[in-house]
Amino acid sequence: MTLHLSGHREDAEYLIRGALQKLKAARGVSRKRLLVIDDGMDQETRNICELLLQGQPQTVICSGKDAPAEVCKMR
């Protein structure tokens, strides 16, 4: 699952928590991963994402240019 976030996102926490819930509920998927793509997030949004994803080994935050390599790792 991927999330593209840019700028200041008041709904970042809502989006991250929702994505994590969907991953937990997904059936028939052996490798459940969340890739958060930073398409120019402001620092506050980035900090929120990092805080929420701390300790979540199935998650990665990366830049848009690094996303293709991270997607390949997810397969």
Foldseek 3Di string as FASTA:
>chain_A
DEAEDAEEDPCLVVVVVVLVVVLVPDPPDPQRAYEYEYAHYDPVSVVSVCVVCVPPVRYDYYYPVCVVVVVVVSD
